[in-house]
């Protein structure tokens, strides 16, 4: 189906989300930090980015802002998937350019539905 970039520093969450995405027919690229994720997004131009917020170095909000303001990656939708579930976090994430915000742990059907909607499927 689609090439999805997962920017997530937890090996457990990376494994769970990768399995979920692959089970639903997607190809997954994974990065453990935002800086690497931004480079991979520029190089690979994935159909979608799943972004954690709490990351080493640059956080997911900063990375989302960087991707949404870069002409090369601005058209790639970013879906934030984070443990930070406060309304202020969600509002801030959307202001940085995210197209959606899901609180961990995601319900598989909800996550797949949101991904499909963002991919136009």
PDB file of N, CA and C in Angstrom:
ATOM      1  N   UNK A   1       0.845  -1.195   0.000  1.00  0.00           N
ATOM      2  CA  UNK A   1       0.000   0.000   0.000  1.00  0.00           C
ATOM      3  C   UNK A   1       0.883   1.249   0.000  1.00  0.00           C
ATOM      4  N   UNK A   2       1.261   1.742   1.189  1.00  0.00           N
ATOM      5  CA  UNK A   2       2.010   2.995   1.250  1.00  0.00           C
ATOM      6  C   UNK A   2       3.308   2.826   2.030  1.00  0.00           C
ATOM      7  N   UNK A   3       4.262   3.705   1.730  1.00  0.00           N
ATOM      8  CA  UNK A   3       5.511   3.754   2.484  1.00  0.00           C
ATOM      9  C   UNK A   3       5.294   4.732   3.639  1.00  0.00           C
ATOM     10  N   UNK A   4       5.435   4.234   4.877  1.00  0.00           N
ATOM     11  CA  UNK A   4       5.203   5.053   6.071  1.00  0.00           C
ATOM     12  C   UNK A   4       6.486   5.146   6.881  1.00  0.00           C
ATOM     13  N   UNK A   5       6.834   6.375   7.249  1.00  0.00           N
ATOM     14  CA  UNK A   5       8.007   6.615   8.089  1.00  0.00           C
ATOM     15  C   UNK A   5       7.556   6.703   9.538  1.00  0.00           C
ATOM     16  N   UNK A   6       8.133   5.869  10.385  1.00  0.00           N
ATOM     17  CA  UNK A   6       7.833   5.847  11.815  1.00  0.00           C
ATOM     18  C   UNK A   6       9.017   6.464  12.562  1.00  0.00           C
ATOM     19  N   UNK A   7       8.768   7.573  13.256  1.00  0.00           N
ATOM     20  CA  UNK A   7       9.813   8.221  14.049  1.00  0.00           C
ATOM     21  C   UNK A   7       9.463   7.978  15.507  1.00  0.00           C
ATOM     22  N   UNK A   8      10.173   7.033  16.118  1.00  0.00           N
ATOM     23  CA  UNK A   8       9.824   6.527  17.447  1.00  0.00           C
ATOM     24  C   UNK A   8      11.085   6.009  18.121  1.00  0.00           C
ATOM     25  N   UNK A   9      11.340   6.439  19.372  1.00  0.00           N
ATOM     26  CA  UNK A   9      12.566   6.010  20.050  1.00  0.00           C
ATOM     27  C   UNK A   9      12.400   4.757  20.899  1.00  0.00           C
ATOM     28  N   UNK A  10      11.174   4.324  21.178  1.00  0.00           N
ATOM     29  CA  UNK A  10      10.960   3.119  21.976  1.00  0.00           C
ATOM     30  C   UNK A  10      11.006   1.882  21.078  1.00  0.00           C
ATOM     31  N   UNK A  11      11.955   0.972  21.340  1.00  0.00           N
ATOM     32  CA  UNK A  11      12.021  -0.247  20.519  1.00  0.00           C
ATOM     33  C   UNK A  11      10.715  -1.054  20.580  1.00  0.00           C
ATOM     34  N   UNK A  12      10.068  -1.066  21.736  1.00  0.00           N
ATOM     35  CA  UNK A  12       8.816  -1.804  21.885  1.00  0.00           C
ATOM     36  C   UNK A  12       7.721  -1.189  21.024  1.00  0.00           C
ATOM     37  N   UNK A  13       7.554   0.139  21.138  1.00  0.00           N
ATOM     38  CA  UNK A  13       6.531   0.811  20.332  1.00  0.00           C
ATOM     39  C   UNK A  13       6.837   0.696  18.847  1.00  0.00           C
ATOM     40  N   UNK A  14       8.120   0.776  18.495  1.00  0.00           N
ATOM     41  CA  UNK A  14       8.516   0.635  17.091  1.00  0.00           C
ATOM     42  C   UNK A  14       8.099  -0.737  16.572  1.00  0.00           C
ATOM     43  N   UNK A  15       8.377  -1.783  17.351  1.00  0.00           N
ATOM     44  CA  UNK A  15       8.030  -3.147  16.938  1.00  0.00           C
ATOM     45  C   UNK A  15       6.516  -3.317  16.807  1.00  0.00           C
ATOM     46  N   UNK A  16       5.768  -2.833  17.785  1.00  0.00           N
ATOM     47  CA  UNK A  16       4.309  -2.978  17.783  1.00  0.00           C
ATOM     48  C   UNK A  16       3.691  -2.227  16.596  1.00  0.00           C
ATOM     49  N   UNK A  17       4.115  -0.977  16.404  1.00  0.00           N
ATOM     50  CA  UNK A  17       3.552  -0.178  15.311  1.00  0.00           C
ATOM     51  C   UNK A  17       3.978  -0.706  13.943  1.00  0.00           C
ATOM     52  N   UNK A  18       5.225  -1.186  13.843  1.00  0.00           N
ATOM     53  CA  UNK A  18       5.692  -1.752  12.572  1.00  0.00           C
ATOM     54  C   UNK A  18       4.853  -2.977  12.212  1.00  0.00           C
ATOM     55  N   UNK A  19       4.627  -3.872  13.184  1.00  0.00           N
ATOM     56  CA  UNK A  19       3.814  -5.069  12.932  1.00  0.00           C
ATOM     57  C   UNK A  19       2.401  -4.679  12.509  1.00  0.00           C
ATOM     58  N   UNK A  20       1.824  -3.708  13.205  1.00  0.00           N
ATOM     59  CA  UNK A  20       0.474  -3.252  12.905  1.00  0.00           C
ATOM     60  C   UNK A  20       0.398  -2.711  11.472  1.00  0.00           C
ATOM     61  N   UNK A  21       1.354  -1.870  11.115  1.00  0.00           N
ATOM     62  CA  UNK A  21       1.355  -1.265   9.776  1.00  0.00           C
ATOM     63  C   UNK A  21       1.590  -2.307   8.685  1.00  0.00           C
ATOM     64  N   UNK A  22       2.546  -3.204   8.919  1.00  0.00           N
ATOM     65  CA  UNK A  22       2.841  -4.239   7.929  1.00  0.00           C
ATOM     66  C   UNK A  22       1.659  -5.191   7.767  1.00  0.00           C
ATOM     67  N   UNK A  23       0.984  -5.493   8.868  1.00  0.00           N
ATOM     68  CA  UNK A  23      -0.192  -6.359   8.843  1.00  0.00           C
ATOM     69  C   UNK A  23      -1.290  -5.727   7.972  1.00  0.00           C
ATOM     70  N   UNK A  24      -1.271  -4.395   7.902  1.00  0.00           N
ATOM     71  CA  UNK A  24      -2.265  -3.682   7.101  1.00  0.00           C
ATOM     72  C   UNK A  24      -1.718  -3.285   5.727  1.00  0.00           C
ATOM     73  N   UNK A  25      -0.625  -3.933   5.328  1.00  0.00           N
ATOM     74  CA  UNK A  25      -0.135  -3.806   3.963  1.00  0.00           C
ATOM     75  C   UNK A  25       0.817  -2.662   3.671  1.00  0.00           C
ATOM     76  N   UNK A  26       1.343  -2.008   4.703  1.00  0.00           N
ATOM     77  CA  UNK A  26       2.228  -0.872   4.471  1.00  0.00           C
ATOM     78  C   UNK A  26       3.701  -1.263   4.594  1.00  0.00           C
ATOM     79  N   UNK A  27       4.542  -0.518   3.904  1.00  0.00           N
ATOM     80  CA  UNK A  27       5.990  -0.652   4.036  1.00  0.00           C
ATOM     81  C   UNK A  27       6.413   0.346   5.105  1.00  0.00           C
ATOM     82  N   UNK A  28       7.253  -0.090   6.048  1.00  0.00           N
ATOM     83  CA  UNK A  28       7.633   0.770   7.162  1.00  0.00           C
ATOM     84  C   UNK A  28       9.125   1.084   7.148  1.00  0.00           C
ATOM     85  N   UNK A  29       9.433   2.379   7.290  1.00  0.00           N
ATOM     86  CA  UNK A  29      10.793   2.853   7.519  1.00  0.00           C
ATOM     87  C   UNK A  29      10.784   3.363   8.953  1.00  0.00           C
ATOM     88  N   UNK A  30      11.771   2.999   9.766  1.00  0.00           N
ATOM     89  CA  UNK A  30      11.764   3.429  11.163  1.00  0.00           C
ATOM     90  C   UNK A  30      13.046   4.179  11.512  1.00  0.00           C
ATOM     91  N   UNK A  31      12.877   5.245  12.304  1.00  0.00           N
ATOM     92  CA  UNK A  31      14.004   6.025  12.809  1.00  0.00           C
ATOM     93  C   UNK A  31      13.813   6.237  14.300  1.00  0.00           C
ATOM     94  N   UNK A  32      14.909   6.223  15.049  1.00  0.00           N
ATOM     95  CA  UNK A  32      14.842   6.360  16.499  1.00  0.00           C
ATOM     96  C   UNK A  32      14.950   7.772  17.021  1.00  0.00           C
ATOM     97  N   UNK A  33      15.183   8.741  16.131  1.00  0.00           N
ATOM     98  CA  UNK A  33      15.227  10.131  16.582  1.00  0.00           C
ATOM     99  C   UNK A  33      14.757  11.047  15.456  1.00  0.00           C
ATOM    100  N   UNK A  34      14.421  12.273  15.830  1.00  0.00           N
ATOM    101  CA  UNK A  34      13.821  13.219  14.891  1.00  0.00           C
ATOM    102  C   UNK A  34      14.785  13.655  13.796  1.00  0.00           C
ATOM    103  N   UNK A  35      16.037  13.888  14.166  1.00  0.00           N
ATOM    104  CA  UNK A  35      17.010  14.347  13.175  1.00  0.00           C
ATOM    105  C   UNK A  35      17.162  13.334  12.033  1.00  0.00           C
ATOM    106  N   UNK A  36      17.315  12.051  12.394  1.00  0.00           N
ATOM    107  CA  UNK A  36      17.416  11.007  11.367  1.00  0.00           C
ATOM    108  C   UNK A  36      16.117  10.915  10.581  1.00  0.00           C
ATOM    109  N   UNK A  37      14.997  11.042  11.297  1.00  0.00           N
ATOM    110  CA  UNK A  37      13.686  10.955  10.650  1.00  0.00           C
ATOM    111  C   UNK A  37      13.488  12.022   9.592  1.00  0.00           C
ATOM    112  N   UNK A  38      13.925  13.238   9.888  1.00  0.00           N
ATOM    113  CA  UNK A  38      13.801  14.332   8.921  1.00  0.00           C
ATOM    114  C   UNK A  38      14.639  14.035   7.681  1.00  0.00           C
ATOM    115  N   UNK A  39      15.852  13.526   7.883  1.00  0.00           N
ATOM    116  CA  UNK A  39      16.716  13.175   6.750  1.00  0.00           C
ATOM    117  C   UNK A  39      16.083  12.078   5.898  1.00  0.00           C
ATOM    118  N   UNK A  40      15.543  11.046   6.552  1.00  0.00           N
ATOM    119  CA  UNK A  40      14.914   9.942   5.816  1.00  0.00           C
ATOM    120  C   UNK A  40      13.679  10.447   5.066  1.00  0.00           C
ATOM    121  N   UNK A  41      12.908  11.321   5.697  1.00  0.00           N
ATOM    122  CA  UNK A  41      11.717  11.873   5.033  1.00  0.00           C
ATOM    123  C   UNK A  41      12.111  12.637   3.768  1.00  0.00           C
ATOM    124  N   UNK A  42      13.175  13.411   3.844  1.00  0.00           N
ATOM    125  CA  UNK A  42      13.635  14.180   2.677  1.00  0.00           C
ATOM    126  C   UNK A  42      14.131  13.255   1.565  1.00  0.00           C
ATOM    127  N   UNK A  43      14.784  12.166   1.961  1.00  0.00           N
ATOM    128  CA  UNK A  43      15.384  11.258   0.982  1.00  0.00           C
ATOM    129  C   UNK A  43      14.356  10.298   0.382  1.00  0.00           C
ATOM    130  N   UNK A  44      13.496   9.738   1.225  1.00  0.00           N
ATOM    131  CA  UNK A  44      12.582   8.672   0.796  1.00  0.00           C
ATOM    132  C   UNK A  44      11.194   9.169   0.385  1.00  0.00           C
ATOM    133  N   UNK A  45      10.820  10.370   0.824  1.00  0.00           N
ATOM    134  CA  UNK A  45       9.499  10.947   0.559  1.00  0.00           C
ATOM    135  C   UNK A  45       8.362   9.945   0.823  1.00  0.00           C
ATOM    136  N   UNK A  46       8.214   9.533   2.082  1.00  0.00           N
ATOM    137  CA  UNK A  46       7.149   8.579   2.416  1.00  0.00           C
ATOM    138  C   UNK A  46       5.764   9.196   2.189  1.00  0.00           C
ATOM    139  N   UNK A  47       4.746   8.349   2.138  1.00  0.00           N
ATOM    140  CA  UNK A  47       3.372   8.821   1.946  1.00  0.00           C
ATOM    141  C   UNK A  47       2.839   9.459   3.221  1.00  0.00           C
ATOM    142  N   UNK A  48       3.414   9.060   4.375  1.00  0.00           N
ATOM    143  CA  UNK A  48       2.923   9.506   5.678  1.00  0.00           C
ATOM    144  C   UNK A  48       4.040   9.366   6.710  1.00  0.00           C
ATOM    145  N   UNK A  49       4.032  10.229   7.725  1.00  0.00           N
ATOM    146  CA  UNK A  49       4.964  10.111   8.841  1.00  0.00           C
ATOM    147  C   UNK A  49       4.161   9.906  10.124  1.00  0.00           C
ATOM    148  N   UNK A  50       4.507   8.869  10.889  1.00  0.00           N
ATOM    149  CA  UNK A  50       3.973   8.686  12.238  1.00  0.00           C
ATOM    150  C   UNK A  50       5.043   9.205  13.182  1.00  0.00           C
ATOM    151  N   UNK A  51       4.692  10.181  14.009  1.00  0.00           N
ATOM    152  CA  UNK A  51       5.664  10.910  14.821  1.00  0.00           C
ATOM    153  C   UNK A  51       5.382  10.768  16.317  1.00  0.00           C
ATOM    154  N   UNK A  52       6.381  10.312  17.049  1.00  0.00           N
ATOM    155  CA  UNK A  52       6.314  10.353  18.507  1.00  0.00           C
ATOM    156  C   UNK A  52       6.669  11.786  18.919  1.00  0.00           C
ATOM    157  N   UNK A  53       6.290  12.176  20.143  1.00  0.00           N
ATOM    158  CA  UNK A  53       6.633  13.522  20.618  1.00  0.00           C
ATOM    159  C   UNK A  53       7.892  13.495  21.480  1.00  0.00           C
ATOM    160  N   UNK A  54       7.932  12.556  22.431  1.00  0.00           N
ATOM    161  CA  UNK A  54       9.051  12.493  23.359  1.00  0.00           C
ATOM    162  C   UNK A  54      10.177  11.700  22.699  1.00  0.00           C
ATOM    163  N   UNK A  55      11.175  12.443  22.206  1.00  0.00           N
ATOM    164  CA  UNK A  55      12.300  11.849  21.486  1.00  0.00           C
ATOM    165  C   UNK A  55      13.602  12.434  22.023  1.00  0.00           C
ATOM    166  N   UNK A  56      14.715  11.704  21.870  1.00  0.00           N
ATOM    167  CA  UNK A  56      16.000  12.277  22.283  1.00  0.00           C
ATOM    168  C   UNK A  56      16.386  13.412  21.337  1.00  0.00           C
ATOM    169  N   UNK A  57      16.995  14.465  21.858  1.00  0.00           N
ATOM    170  CA  UNK A  57      17.366  15.601  21.007  1.00  0.00           C
ATOM    171  C   UNK A  57      16.130  16.402  20.644  1.00  0.00           C
ATOM    172  N   UNK A  58      15.943  16.610  19.354  1.00  0.00           N
ATOM    173  CA  UNK A  58      14.788  17.350  18.862  1.00  0.00           C
ATOM    174  C   UNK A  58      13.505  16.577  19.191  1.00  0.00           C
ATOM    175  N   UNK A  59      12.466  17.270  19.701  1.00  0.00           N
ATOM    176  CA  UNK A  59      11.230  16.553  20.006  1.00  0.00           C
ATOM    177  C   UNK A  59      10.323  16.480  18.772  1.00  0.00           C
ATOM    178  N   UNK A  60       9.261  15.710  18.895  1.00  0.00           N
ATOM    179  CA  UNK A  60       8.359  15.477  17.768  1.00  0.00           C
ATOM    180  C   UNK A  60       7.633  16.721  17.300  1.00  0.00           C
ATOM    181  N   UNK A  61       7.350  17.649  18.211  1.00  0.00           N
ATOM    182  CA  UNK A  61       6.709  18.902  17.794  1.00  0.00           C
ATOM    183  C   UNK A  61       7.655  19.699  16.892  1.00  0.00           C
ATOM    184  N   UNK A  62       8.930  19.785  17.306  1.00  0.00           N
ATOM    185  CA  UNK A  62       9.926  20.513  16.506  1.00  0.00           C
ATOM    186  C   UNK A  62      10.124  19.840  15.146  1.00  0.00           C
ATOM    187  N   UNK A  63      10.165  18.515  15.143  1.00  0.00           N
ATOM    188  CA  UNK A  63      10.360  17.774  13.891  1.00  0.00           C
ATOM    189  C   UNK A  63       9.160  17.940  12.966  1.00  0.00           C
ATOM    190  N   UNK A  64       7.956  17.930  13.548  1.00  0.00           N
ATOM    191  CA  UNK A  64       6.744  18.127  12.746  1.00  0.00           C
ATOM    192  C   UNK A  64       6.775  19.501  12.093  1.00  0.00           C
ATOM    193  N   UNK A  65       7.170  20.507  12.872  1.00  0.00           N
ATOM    194  CA  UNK A  65       7.267  21.871  12.354  1.00  0.00           C
ATOM    195  C   UNK A  65       8.305  21.929  11.219  1.00  0.00           C
ATOM    196  N   UNK A  66       9.455  21.278  11.423  1.00  0.00           N
ATOM    197  CA  UNK A  66      10.508  21.272  10.405  1.00  0.00           C
ATOM    198  C   UNK A  66      10.020  20.627   9.108  1.00  0.00           C
ATOM    199  N   UNK A  67       9.329  19.494   9.223  1.00  0.00           N
ATOM    200  CA  UNK A  67       8.826  18.799   8.029  1.00  0.00           C
ATOM    201  C   UNK A  67       7.748  19.615   7.325  1.00  0.00           C
ATOM    202  N   UNK A  68       6.858  20.232   8.099  1.00  0.00           N
ATOM    203  CA  UNK A  68       5.746  20.970   7.482  1.00  0.00           C
ATOM    204  C   UNK A  68       6.205  22.277   6.834  1.00  0.00           C
ATOM    205  N   UNK A  69       7.389  22.778   7.230  1.00  0.00           N
ATOM    206  CA  UNK A  69       7.895  24.032   6.664  1.00  0.00           C
ATOM    207  C   UNK A  69       8.952  23.825   5.587  1.00  0.00           C
ATOM    208  N   UNK A  70       9.337  22.579   5.365  1.00  0.00           N
ATOM    209  CA  UNK A  70      10.343  22.260   4.349  1.00  0.00           C
ATOM    210  C   UNK A  70       9.613  21.986   3.030  1.00  0.00           C
ATOM    211  N   UNK A  71       9.978  22.709   1.978  1.00  0.00           N
ATOM    212  CA  UNK A  71       9.302  22.558   0.684  1.00  0.00           C
ATOM    213  C   UNK A  71       9.326  21.112   0.180  1.00  0.00           C
ATOM    214  N   UNK A  72      10.387  20.374   0.507  1.00  0.00           N
ATOM    215  CA  UNK A  72      10.526  18.995   0.046  1.00  0.00           C
ATOM    216  C   UNK A  72       9.527  18.064   0.719  1.00  0.00           C
ATOM    217  N   UNK A  73       9.223  18.332   2.009  1.00  0.00           N
ATOM    218  CA  UNK A  73       8.397  17.403   2.792  1.00  0.00           C
ATOM    219  C   UNK A  73       7.047  17.982   3.219  1.00  0.00           C
ATOM    220  N   UNK A  74       6.760  19.215   2.848  1.00  0.00           N
ATOM    221  CA  UNK A  74       5.540  19.890   3.322  1.00  0.00           C
ATOM    222  C   UNK A  74       4.253  19.153   2.956  1.00  0.00           C
ATOM    223  N   UNK A  75       4.250  18.434   1.848  1.00  0.00           N
ATOM    224  CA  UNK A  75       3.040  17.742   1.396  1.00  0.00           C
ATOM    225  C   UNK A  75       2.828  16.397   2.097  1.00  0.00           C
ATOM    226  N   UNK A  76       3.819  15.944   2.868  1.00  0.00           N
ATOM    227  CA  UNK A  76       3.707  14.649   3.551  1.00  0.00           C
ATOM    228  C   UNK A  76       2.927  14.844   4.854  1.00  0.00           C
ATOM    229  N   UNK A  77       1.772  14.166   5.001  1.00  0.00           N
ATOM    230  CA  UNK A  77       1.034  14.331   6.252  1.00  0.00           C
ATOM    231  C   UNK A  77       1.770  13.699   7.439  1.00  0.00           C
ATOM    232  N   UNK A  78       1.730  14.403   8.574  1.00  0.00           N
ATOM    233  CA  UNK A  78       2.326  13.900   9.815  1.00  0.00           C
ATOM    234  C   UNK A  78       1.193  13.570  10.779  1.00  0.00           C
ATOM    235  N   UNK A  79       1.191  12.336  11.287  1.00  0.00           N
ATOM    236  CA  UNK A  79       0.227  11.910  12.299  1.00  0.00           C
ATOM    237  C   UNK A  79       1.013  11.674  13.580  1.00  0.00           C
ATOM    238  N   UNK A  80       0.734  12.469  14.596  1.00  0.00           N
ATOM    239  CA  UNK A  80       1.439  12.315  15.870  1.00  0.00           C
ATOM    240  C   UNK A  80       0.805  11.170  16.655  1.00  0.00           C
ATOM    241  N   UNK A  81       1.647  10.273  17.156  1.00  0.00           N
ATOM    242  CA  UNK A  81       1.214   9.162  17.999  1.00  0.00           C
ATOM    243  C   UNK A  81       2.050   9.263  19.267  1.00  0.00           C
ATOM    244  N   UNK A  82       1.428   9.718  20.365  1.00  0.00           N
ATOM    245  CA  UNK A  82       2.198  10.041  21.565  1.00  0.00           C
ATOM    246  C   UNK A  82       1.466   9.679  22.844  1.00  0.00           C
ATOM    247  N   UNK A  83       2.241   9.500  23.908  1.00  0.00           N
ATOM    248  CA  UNK A  83       1.656   9.301  25.238  1.00  0.00           C
ATOM    249  C   UNK A  83       1.158  10.621  25.811  1.00  0.00           C
ATOM    250  N   UNK A  84       1.612  11.739  25.241  1.00  0.00           N
ATOM    251  CA  UNK A  84       1.198  13.056  25.723  1.00  0.00           C
ATOM    252  C   UNK A  84      -0.216  13.326  25.218  1.00  0.00           C
ATOM    253  N   UNK A  85      -1.201  13.138  26.108  1.00  0.00           N
ATOM    254  CA  UNK A  85      -2.597  13.183  25.686  1.00  0.00           C
ATOM    255  C   UNK A  85      -3.391  14.389  26.128  1.00  0.00           C
ATOM    256  N   UNK A  86      -2.730  15.415  26.666  1.00  0.00           N
ATOM    257  CA  UNK A  86      -3.442  16.618  27.097  1.00  0.00           C
ATOM    258  C   UNK A  86      -3.966  17.366  25.867  1.00  0.00           C
ATOM    259  N   UNK A  87      -5.093  18.052  26.045  1.00  0.00           N
ATOM    260  CA  UNK A  87      -5.642  18.835  24.932  1.00  0.00           C
ATOM    261  C   UNK A  87      -4.639  19.881  24.441  1.00  0.00           C
ATOM    262  N   UNK A  88      -3.853  20.444  25.379  1.00  0.00           N
ATOM    263  CA  UNK A  88      -2.855  21.448  24.972  1.00  0.00           C
ATOM    264  C   UNK A  88      -1.791  20.815  24.073  1.00  0.00           C
ATOM    265  N   UNK A  89      -1.406  19.556  24.368  1.00  0.00           N
ATOM    266  CA  UNK A  89      -0.440  18.851  23.518  1.00  0.00           C
ATOM    267  C   UNK A  89      -1.014  18.653  22.124  1.00  0.00           C
ATOM    268  N   UNK A  90      -2.268  18.218  22.070  1.00  0.00           N
ATOM    269  CA  UNK A  90      -2.912  17.976  20.772  1.00  0.00           C
ATOM    270  C   UNK A  90      -2.995  19.277  19.974  1.00  0.00           C
ATOM    271  N   UNK A  91      -3.430  20.343  20.633  1.00  0.00           N
ATOM    272  CA  UNK A  91      -3.563  21.637  19.954  1.00  0.00           C
ATOM    273  C   UNK A  91      -2.198  22.115  19.453  1.00  0.00           C
ATOM    274  N   UNK A  92      -1.159  21.966  20.282  1.00  0.00           N
ATOM    275  CA  UNK A  92       0.182  22.395  19.897  1.00  0.00           C
ATOM    276  C   UNK A  92       0.689  21.572  18.712  1.00  0.00           C
ATOM    277  N   UNK A  93       0.460  20.272  18.748  1.00  0.00           N
ATOM    278  CA  UNK A  93       0.877  19.395  17.649  1.00  0.00           C
ATOM    279  C   UNK A  93       0.240  19.808  16.335  1.00  0.00           C
ATOM    280  N   UNK A  94      -1.045  20.138  16.379  1.00  0.00           N
ATOM    281  CA  UNK A  94      -1.748  20.549  15.171  1.00  0.00           C
ATOM    282  C   UNK A  94      -1.205  21.903  14.678  1.00  0.00           C
ATOM    283  N   UNK A  95      -0.854  22.769  15.608  1.00  0.00           N
ATOM    284  CA  UNK A  95      -0.304  24.080  15.219  1.00  0.00           C
ATOM    285  C   UNK A  95       1.067  23.948  14.577  1.00  0.00           C
ATOM    286  N   UNK A  96       1.768  22.859  14.863  1.00  0.00           N
ATOM    287  CA  UNK A  96       3.091  22.635  14.266  1.00  0.00           C
ATOM    288  C   UNK A  96       2.978  22.060  12.862  1.00  0.00           C
ATOM    289  N   UNK A  97       1.769  21.696  12.468  1.00  0.00           N
ATOM    290  CA  UNK A  97       1.568  21.181  11.114  1.00  0.00           C
ATOM    291  C   UNK A  97       1.091  19.748  11.034  1.00  0.00           C
ATOM    292  N   UNK A  98       0.866  19.093  12.182  1.00  0.00           N
ATOM    293  CA  UNK A  98       0.372  17.710  12.159  1.00  0.00           C
ATOM    294  C   UNK A  98      -1.041  17.677  11.573  1.00  0.00           C
ATOM    295  N   UNK A  99      -1.359  16.577  10.902  1.00  0.00           N
ATOM    296  CA  UNK A  99      -2.691  16.407  10.303  1.00  0.00           C
ATOM    297  C   UNK A  99      -3.600  15.568  11.202  1.00  0.00           C
ATOM    298  N   UNK A 100      -3.034  15.077  12.312  1.00  0.00           N
ATOM    299  CA  UNK A 100      -3.816  14.278  13.247  1.00  0.00           C
ATOM    300  C   UNK A 100      -2.997  13.982  14.484  1.00  0.00           C
ATOM    301  N   UNK A 101      -3.684  13.537  15.550  1.00  0.00           N
ATOM    302  CA  UNK A 101      -3.009  13.277  16.819  1.00  0.00           C
ATOM    303  C   UNK A 101      -3.725  12.113  17.487  1.00  0.00           C
ATOM    304  N   UNK A 102      -2.995  11.053  17.758  1.00  0.00           N
ATOM    305  CA  UNK A 102      -3.549   9.870  18.419  1.00  0.00           C
ATOM    306  C   UNK A 102      -2.731   9.602  19.675  1.00  0.00           C
ATOM    307  N   UNK A 103      -3.435   9.294  20.775  1.00  0.00           N
ATOM    308  CA  UNK A 103      -2.760   9.017  22.044  1.00  0.00           C
ATOM    309  C   UNK A 103      -2.438   7.523  22.118  1.00  0.00           C
ATOM    310  N   UNK A 104      -1.212   7.219  22.587  1.00  0.00           N
ATOM    311  CA  UNK A 104      -0.775   5.826  22.789  1.00  0.00           C
ATOM    312  C   UNK A 104      -1.459   5.251  24.022  1.00  0.00           C
ATOM    313  N   UNK A 105      -1.671   3.951  24.035  1.00  0.00           N
ATOM    314  CA  UNK A 105      -1.507   3.042  22.899  1.00  0.00           C
ATOM    315  C   UNK A 105      -2.682   3.198  21.931  1.00  0.00           C
ATOM    316  N   UNK A 106      -2.395   3.235  20.641  1.00  0.00           N
ATOM    317  CA  UNK A 106      -3.488   3.425  19.681  1.00  0.00           C
ATOM    318  C   UNK A 106      -4.332   2.163  19.521  1.00  0.00           C
ATOM    319  N   UNK A 107      -5.611   2.354  19.288  1.00  0.00           N
ATOM    320  CA  UNK A 107      -6.492   1.237  18.935  1.00  0.00           C
ATOM    321  C   UNK A 107      -6.233   0.978  17.454  1.00  0.00           C
ATOM    322  N   UNK A 108      -5.916  -0.262  17.107  1.00  0.00           N
ATOM    323  CA  UNK A 108      -5.508  -0.566  15.731  1.00  0.00           C
ATOM    324  C   UNK A 108      -6.514  -0.067  14.704  1.00  0.00           C
ATOM    325  N   UNK A 109      -7.797  -0.329  14.914  1.00  0.00           N
ATOM    326  CA  UNK A 109      -8.796   0.076  13.918  1.00  0.00           C
ATOM    327  C   UNK A 109      -8.834   1.594  13.748  1.00  0.00           C
ATOM    328  N   UNK A 110      -8.687   2.332  14.864  1.00  0.00           N
ATOM    329  CA  UNK A 110      -8.682   3.798  14.792  1.00  0.00           C
ATOM    330  C   UNK A 110      -7.459   4.305  14.038  1.00  0.00           C
ATOM    331  N   UNK A 111      -6.294   3.740  14.368  1.00  0.00           N
ATOM    332  CA  UNK A 111      -5.050   4.161  13.732  1.00  0.00           C
ATOM    333  C   UNK A 111      -5.100   3.896  12.225  1.00  0.00           C
ATOM    334  N   UNK A 112      -5.545   2.699  11.844  1.00  0.00           N
ATOM    335  CA  UNK A 112      -5.630   2.332  10.430  1.00  0.00           C
ATOM    336  C   UNK A 112      -6.621   3.255   9.711  1.00  0.00           C
ATOM    337  N   UNK A 113      -7.739   3.540  10.358  1.00  0.00           N
ATOM    338  CA  UNK A 113      -8.743   4.443   9.778  1.00  0.00           C
ATOM    339  C   UNK A 113      -8.159   5.841   9.538  1.00  0.00           C
ATOM    340  N   UNK A 114      -7.434   6.362  10.536  1.00  0.00           N
ATOM    341  CA  UNK A 114      -6.821   7.688  10.398  1.00  0.00           C
ATOM    342  C   UNK A 114      -5.766   7.705   9.295  1.00  0.00           C
ATOM    343  N   UNK A 115      -4.949   6.653   9.247  1.00  0.00           N
ATOM    344  CA  UNK A 115      -3.923   6.547   8.209  1.00  0.00           C
ATOM    345  C   UNK A 115      -4.568   6.517   6.835  1.00  0.00           C
ATOM    346  N   UNK A 116      -5.579   5.673   6.673  1.00  0.00           N
ATOM    347  CA  UNK A 116      -6.251   5.555   5.379  1.00  0.00           C
ATOM    348  C   UNK A 116      -6.878   6.879   4.972  1.00  0.00           C
ATOM    349  N   UNK A 117      -7.461   7.604   5.928  1.00  0.00           N
ATOM    350  CA  UNK A 117      -8.080   8.902   5.624  1.00  0.00           C
ATOM    351  C   UNK A 117      -7.010   9.893   5.157  1.00  0.00           C
ATOM    352  N   UNK A 118      -5.849   9.898   5.836  1.00  0.00           N
ATOM    353  CA  UNK A 118      -4.773  10.818   5.457  1.00  0.00           C
ATOM    354  C   UNK A 118      -4.151  10.443   4.103  1.00  0.00           C
ATOM    355  N   UNK A 119      -4.165   9.165   3.786  1.00  0.00           N
ATOM    356  CA  UNK A 119      -3.603   8.706   2.515  1.00  0.00           C
ATOM    357  C   UNK A 119      -4.619   8.838   1.382  1.00  0.00           C
ATOM    358  N   UNK A 120      -5.846   9.231   1.747  1.00  0.00           N
ATOM    359  CA  UNK A 120      -6.876   9.404   0.742  1.00  0.00           C
ATOM    360  C   UNK A 120      -7.504   8.095   0.292  1.00  0.00           C
ATOM    361  N   UNK A 121      -7.419   7.073   1.197  1.00  0.00           N
ATOM    362  CA  UNK A 121      -7.942   5.758   0.821  1.00  0.00           C
ATOM    363  C   UNK A 121      -9.194   5.360   1.519  1.00  0.00           C
TER     364      UNK A 121
END
